[in-house]
Amino acid sequence: MSIGSGIFLFVVGAILAFALQLEVAWIDLNLVGYLLMAAGAVIFVIGLVLAARKRQSTTTVRSGVGANGEAVTERRTTATPDEIL
């Protein structure tokens, strides 16, 4: 969701900065457009980083005997985003 939000903010900012030729006395729409584009880019990058982190998976299983005498099995598997593809 953050990737889409970042793209949306960037597009709205670009429209305000480059497409509108409207002047309002109390606000600078070009500056608001540039700020929205910057915020959209930051949110997009954060979304990509979080999406890459979600793709990592770790499974751990060990074998042994627990304190109460029961068999305990544990295995560890780690997959990074490069190995998943």
N, C-alpha and C. Protein backbone atom coordinates (compact mmCIF):
# COMPACT_ATOMS: atom_id res chain seq x y z
N MET A 1 0.81 -1.18 0.00
CA MET A 1 0.00 0.00 0.00
C MET A 1 0.86 1.25 0.00
N SER A 2 2.01 1.22 0.66
CA SER A 2 2.85 2.41 0.71
C SER A 2 3.49 2.71 -0.64
N ILE A 3 3.72 1.68 -1.44
CA ILE A 3 4.29 1.92 -2.77
C ILE A 3 3.28 2.69 -3.61
N GLY A 4 2.03 2.28 -3.58
CA GLY A 4 0.98 2.98 -4.32
C GLY A 4 0.75 4.38 -3.80
N SER A 5 0.82 4.56 -2.49
CA SER A 5 0.66 5.89 -1.91
C SER A 5 1.79 6.82 -2.34
N GLY A 6 3.00 6.29 -2.38
CA GLY A 6 4.14 7.08 -2.82
C GLY A 6 3.99 7.53 -4.27
N ILE A 7 3.56 6.61 -5.11
CA ILE A 7 3.35 6.96 -6.52
C ILE A 7 2.25 8.00 -6.66
N PHE A 8 1.16 7.84 -5.90
CA PHE A 8 0.06 8.80 -5.95
C PHE A 8 0.53 10.19 -5.52
N LEU A 9 1.26 10.29 -4.41
CA LEU A 9 1.75 11.59 -3.95
C LEU A 9 2.69 12.21 -4.98
N PHE A 10 3.54 11.40 -5.58
CA PHE A 10 4.46 11.93 -6.58
C PHE A 10 3.70 12.48 -7.79
N VAL A 11 2.69 11.77 -8.24
CA VAL A 11 1.92 12.22 -9.41
C VAL A 11 1.15 13.50 -9.09
N VAL A 12 0.51 13.56 -7.93
CA VAL A 12 -0.22 14.77 -7.55
C VAL A 12 0.74 15.95 -7.43
N GLY A 13 1.91 15.71 -6.86
CA GLY A 13 2.92 16.76 -6.76
C GLY A 13 3.40 17.24 -8.11
N ALA A 14 3.59 16.31 -9.03
CA ALA A 14 4.03 16.69 -10.38
C ALA A 14 2.95 17.51 -11.09
N ILE A 15 1.71 17.15 -10.88
CA ILE A 15 0.62 17.92 -11.49
C ILE A 15 0.61 19.34 -10.92
N LEU A 16 0.75 19.46 -9.61
CA LEU A 16 0.76 20.79 -9.00
C LEU A 16 1.97 21.60 -9.44
N ALA A 17 3.12 20.95 -9.56
CA ALA A 17 4.34 21.69 -9.88
C ALA A 17 4.46 22.04 -11.36
N PHE A 18 4.02 21.16 -12.25
CA PHE A 18 4.30 21.36 -13.66
C PHE A 18 3.07 21.63 -14.54
N ALA A 19 1.92 21.07 -14.19
CA ALA A 19 0.77 21.15 -15.09
C ALA A 19 -0.14 22.34 -14.81
N LEU A 20 -0.26 22.72 -13.55
CA LEU A 20 -1.17 23.82 -13.22
C LEU A 20 -0.48 25.17 -13.37
N GLN A 21 -1.13 26.08 -14.02
CA GLN A 21 -0.63 27.45 -14.15
C GLN A 21 -1.51 28.38 -13.32
N LEU A 22 -1.83 27.95 -12.14
CA LEU A 22 -2.73 28.66 -11.25
C LEU A 22 -1.93 29.33 -10.15
N GLU A 23 -2.25 30.57 -9.84
CA GLU A 23 -1.57 31.28 -8.76
C GLU A 23 -2.58 31.59 -7.67
N VAL A 24 -2.22 31.21 -6.46
CA VAL A 24 -3.04 31.49 -5.29
C VAL A 24 -2.21 32.38 -4.38
N ALA A 25 -2.83 33.43 -3.83
CA ALA A 25 -2.08 34.42 -3.05
C ALA A 25 -1.52 33.85 -1.76
N TRP A 26 -2.22 32.93 -1.14
CA TRP A 26 -1.81 32.49 0.18
C TRP A 26 -0.98 31.21 0.20
N ILE A 27 -0.71 30.59 -0.96
CA ILE A 27 0.09 29.37 -1.01
C ILE A 27 0.83 29.29 -2.34
N ASP A 28 2.03 28.77 -2.29
CA ASP A 28 2.82 28.56 -3.51
C ASP A 28 2.62 27.12 -3.97
N LEU A 29 1.83 26.92 -5.01
CA LEU A 29 1.50 25.57 -5.47
C LEU A 29 2.71 24.84 -6.04
N ASN A 30 3.66 25.55 -6.60
CA ASN A 30 4.88 24.90 -7.09
C ASN A 30 5.65 24.26 -5.94
N LEU A 31 5.78 25.01 -4.84
CA LEU A 31 6.49 24.48 -3.68
C LEU A 31 5.75 23.28 -3.09
N VAL A 32 4.44 23.38 -2.99
CA VAL A 32 3.65 22.24 -2.48
C VAL A 32 3.82 21.04 -3.40
N GLY A 33 3.85 21.25 -4.70
CA GLY A 33 4.06 20.16 -5.65
C GLY A 33 5.41 19.49 -5.46
N TYR A 34 6.46 20.30 -5.29
CA TYR A 34 7.79 19.72 -5.08
C TYR A 34 7.86 18.97 -3.75
N LEU A 35 7.21 19.50 -2.72
CA LEU A 35 7.20 18.80 -1.43
C LEU A 35 6.45 17.47 -1.52
N LEU A 36 5.33 17.47 -2.24
CA LEU A 36 4.59 16.21 -2.41
C LEU A 36 5.39 15.20 -3.23
N MET A 37 6.10 15.67 -4.24
CA MET A 37 6.94 14.76 -5.03
C MET A 37 8.05 14.16 -4.17
N ALA A 38 8.67 14.97 -3.32
CA ALA A 38 9.72 14.46 -2.44
C ALA A 38 9.16 13.46 -1.44
N ALA A 39 8.01 13.79 -0.85
CA ALA A 39 7.39 12.87 0.11
C ALA A 39 6.98 11.57 -0.58
N GLY A 40 6.47 11.66 -1.79
CA GLY A 40 6.10 10.46 -2.54
C GLY A 40 7.29 9.58 -2.83
N ALA A 41 8.42 10.19 -3.19
CA ALA A 41 9.63 9.41 -3.47
C ALA A 41 10.13 8.71 -2.21
N VAL A 42 10.10 9.42 -1.07
CA VAL A 42 10.55 8.81 0.18
C VAL A 42 9.63 7.66 0.58
N ILE A 43 8.33 7.85 0.48
CA ILE A 43 7.38 6.79 0.83
C ILE A 43 7.53 5.59 -0.11
N PHE A 44 7.79 5.84 -1.38
CA PHE A 44 7.99 4.77 -2.35
C PHE A 44 9.22 3.93 -1.98
N VAL A 45 10.32 4.59 -1.64
CA VAL A 45 11.55 3.88 -1.27
C VAL A 45 11.34 3.08 0.02
N ILE A 46 10.67 3.68 1.00
CA ILE A 46 10.39 2.96 2.24
C ILE A 46 9.51 1.74 1.96
N GLY A 47 8.53 1.89 1.08
CA GLY A 47 7.68 0.77 0.72
C GLY A 47 8.46 -0.36 0.06
N LEU A 48 9.41 -0.01 -0.80
CA LEU A 48 10.23 -1.05 -1.44
C LEU A 48 11.09 -1.78 -0.42
N VAL A 49 11.66 -1.04 0.53
CA VAL A 49 12.50 -1.66 1.56
C VAL A 49 11.66 -2.59 2.42
N LEU A 50 10.48 -2.15 2.82
CA LEU A 50 9.62 -3.00 3.65
C LEU A 50 9.13 -4.22 2.88
N ALA A 51 8.87 -4.08 1.60
CA ALA A 51 8.44 -5.22 0.79
C ALA A 51 9.56 -6.24 0.66
N ALA A 52 10.80 -5.77 0.54
CA ALA A 52 11.94 -6.69 0.44
C ALA A 52 12.15 -7.42 1.76
N ARG A 53 11.93 -6.74 2.87
CA ARG A 53 12.11 -7.39 4.17
C ARG A 53 11.05 -8.44 4.42
N LYS A 54 9.84 -8.24 3.92
CA LYS A 54 8.77 -9.21 4.13
C LYS A 54 9.01 -10.51 3.38
N ARG A 55 9.84 -10.48 2.37
CA ARG A 55 10.09 -11.67 1.55
C ARG A 55 11.11 -12.60 2.18
N GLN A 56 11.77 -12.17 3.21
CA GLN A 56 12.72 -13.03 3.88
C GLN A 56 11.97 -13.96 4.81
N SER A 57 12.37 -15.22 4.83
CA SER A 57 11.71 -16.17 5.72
C SER A 57 12.76 -17.02 6.42
N THR A 58 12.50 -17.34 7.66
CA THR A 58 13.39 -18.17 8.45
C THR A 58 12.57 -19.23 9.16
N THR A 59 12.96 -20.48 8.99
CA THR A 59 12.32 -21.60 9.68
C THR A 59 13.39 -22.29 10.50
N THR A 60 13.12 -22.51 11.76
CA THR A 60 14.10 -23.13 12.64
C THR A 60 13.51 -24.38 13.28
N VAL A 61 14.23 -25.51 13.13
CA VAL A 61 13.82 -26.78 13.75
C VAL A 61 15.07 -27.43 14.31
N ARG A 62 15.05 -27.82 15.59
CA ARG A 62 16.19 -28.48 16.24
C ARG A 62 15.78 -29.87 16.72
N SER A 63 16.77 -30.78 16.76
CA SER A 63 16.51 -32.13 17.27
C SER A 63 17.22 -32.29 18.60
N GLY A 64 16.55 -32.93 19.51
CA GLY A 64 17.15 -33.18 20.82
C GLY A 64 16.10 -33.71 21.78
N VAL A 65 16.49 -33.78 23.04
CA VAL A 65 15.59 -34.26 24.08
C VAL A 65 15.35 -33.10 25.03
N GLY A 66 14.09 -32.84 25.31
CA GLY A 66 13.74 -31.76 26.20
C GLY A 66 13.96 -32.13 27.65
N ALA A 67 13.70 -31.21 28.55
CA ALA A 67 13.91 -31.44 29.98
C ALA A 67 12.99 -32.51 30.53
N ASN A 68 11.82 -32.68 29.91
CA ASN A 68 10.88 -33.69 30.40
C ASN A 68 11.01 -35.03 29.67
N GLY A 69 12.04 -35.20 28.85
CA GLY A 69 12.29 -36.47 28.18
C GLY A 69 11.66 -36.60 26.81
N GLU A 70 10.92 -35.59 26.35
CA GLU A 70 10.29 -35.64 25.03
C GLU A 70 11.29 -35.26 23.94
N ALA A 71 11.09 -35.84 22.76
CA ALA A 71 11.95 -35.53 21.63
C ALA A 71 11.59 -34.15 21.08
N VAL A 72 12.61 -33.35 20.84
CA VAL A 72 12.41 -32.01 20.31
C VAL A 72 13.17 -31.92 18.99
N THR A 73 12.52 -31.47 17.92
CA THR A 73 13.14 -31.35 16.60
C THR A 73 13.11 -29.89 16.18
N GLU A 74 14.26 -29.40 15.71
CA GLU A 74 14.35 -28.01 15.26
C GLU A 74 15.23 -27.95 14.01
N ARG A 75 14.74 -27.31 12.95
CA ARG A 75 15.46 -27.16 11.69
C ARG A 75 15.48 -25.68 11.33
N ARG A 76 16.60 -25.19 10.80
CA ARG A 76 16.71 -23.78 10.46
C ARG A 76 16.96 -23.64 8.96
N THR A 77 16.10 -22.86 8.29
CA THR A 77 16.22 -22.57 6.87
C THR A 77 16.07 -21.06 6.70
N THR A 78 16.98 -20.46 5.99
CA THR A 78 16.91 -19.01 5.77
C THR A 78 16.86 -18.77 4.27
N ALA A 79 15.92 -17.94 3.83
CA ALA A 79 15.80 -17.57 2.42
C ALA A 79 15.83 -16.06 2.31
N THR A 80 16.72 -15.56 1.51
CA THR A 80 16.78 -14.12 1.24
C THR A 80 15.98 -13.83 -0.02
N PRO A 81 15.67 -12.56 -0.31
CA PRO A 81 14.89 -12.25 -1.51
C PRO A 81 15.51 -12.77 -2.79
N ASP A 82 16.84 -12.85 -2.87
CA ASP A 82 17.50 -13.36 -4.08
C ASP A 82 17.24 -14.85 -4.26
N GLU A 83 17.20 -15.60 -3.15
CA GLU A 83 17.00 -17.05 -3.24
C GLU A 83 15.55 -17.42 -3.52
N ILE A 84 14.61 -16.54 -3.16
CA ILE A 84 13.20 -16.84 -3.37
C ILE A 84 12.86 -16.80 -4.85
N LEU A 85 13.42 -15.86 -5.57
CA LEU A 85 13.14 -15.74 -7.01
C LEU A 85 13.82 -16.88 -7.71
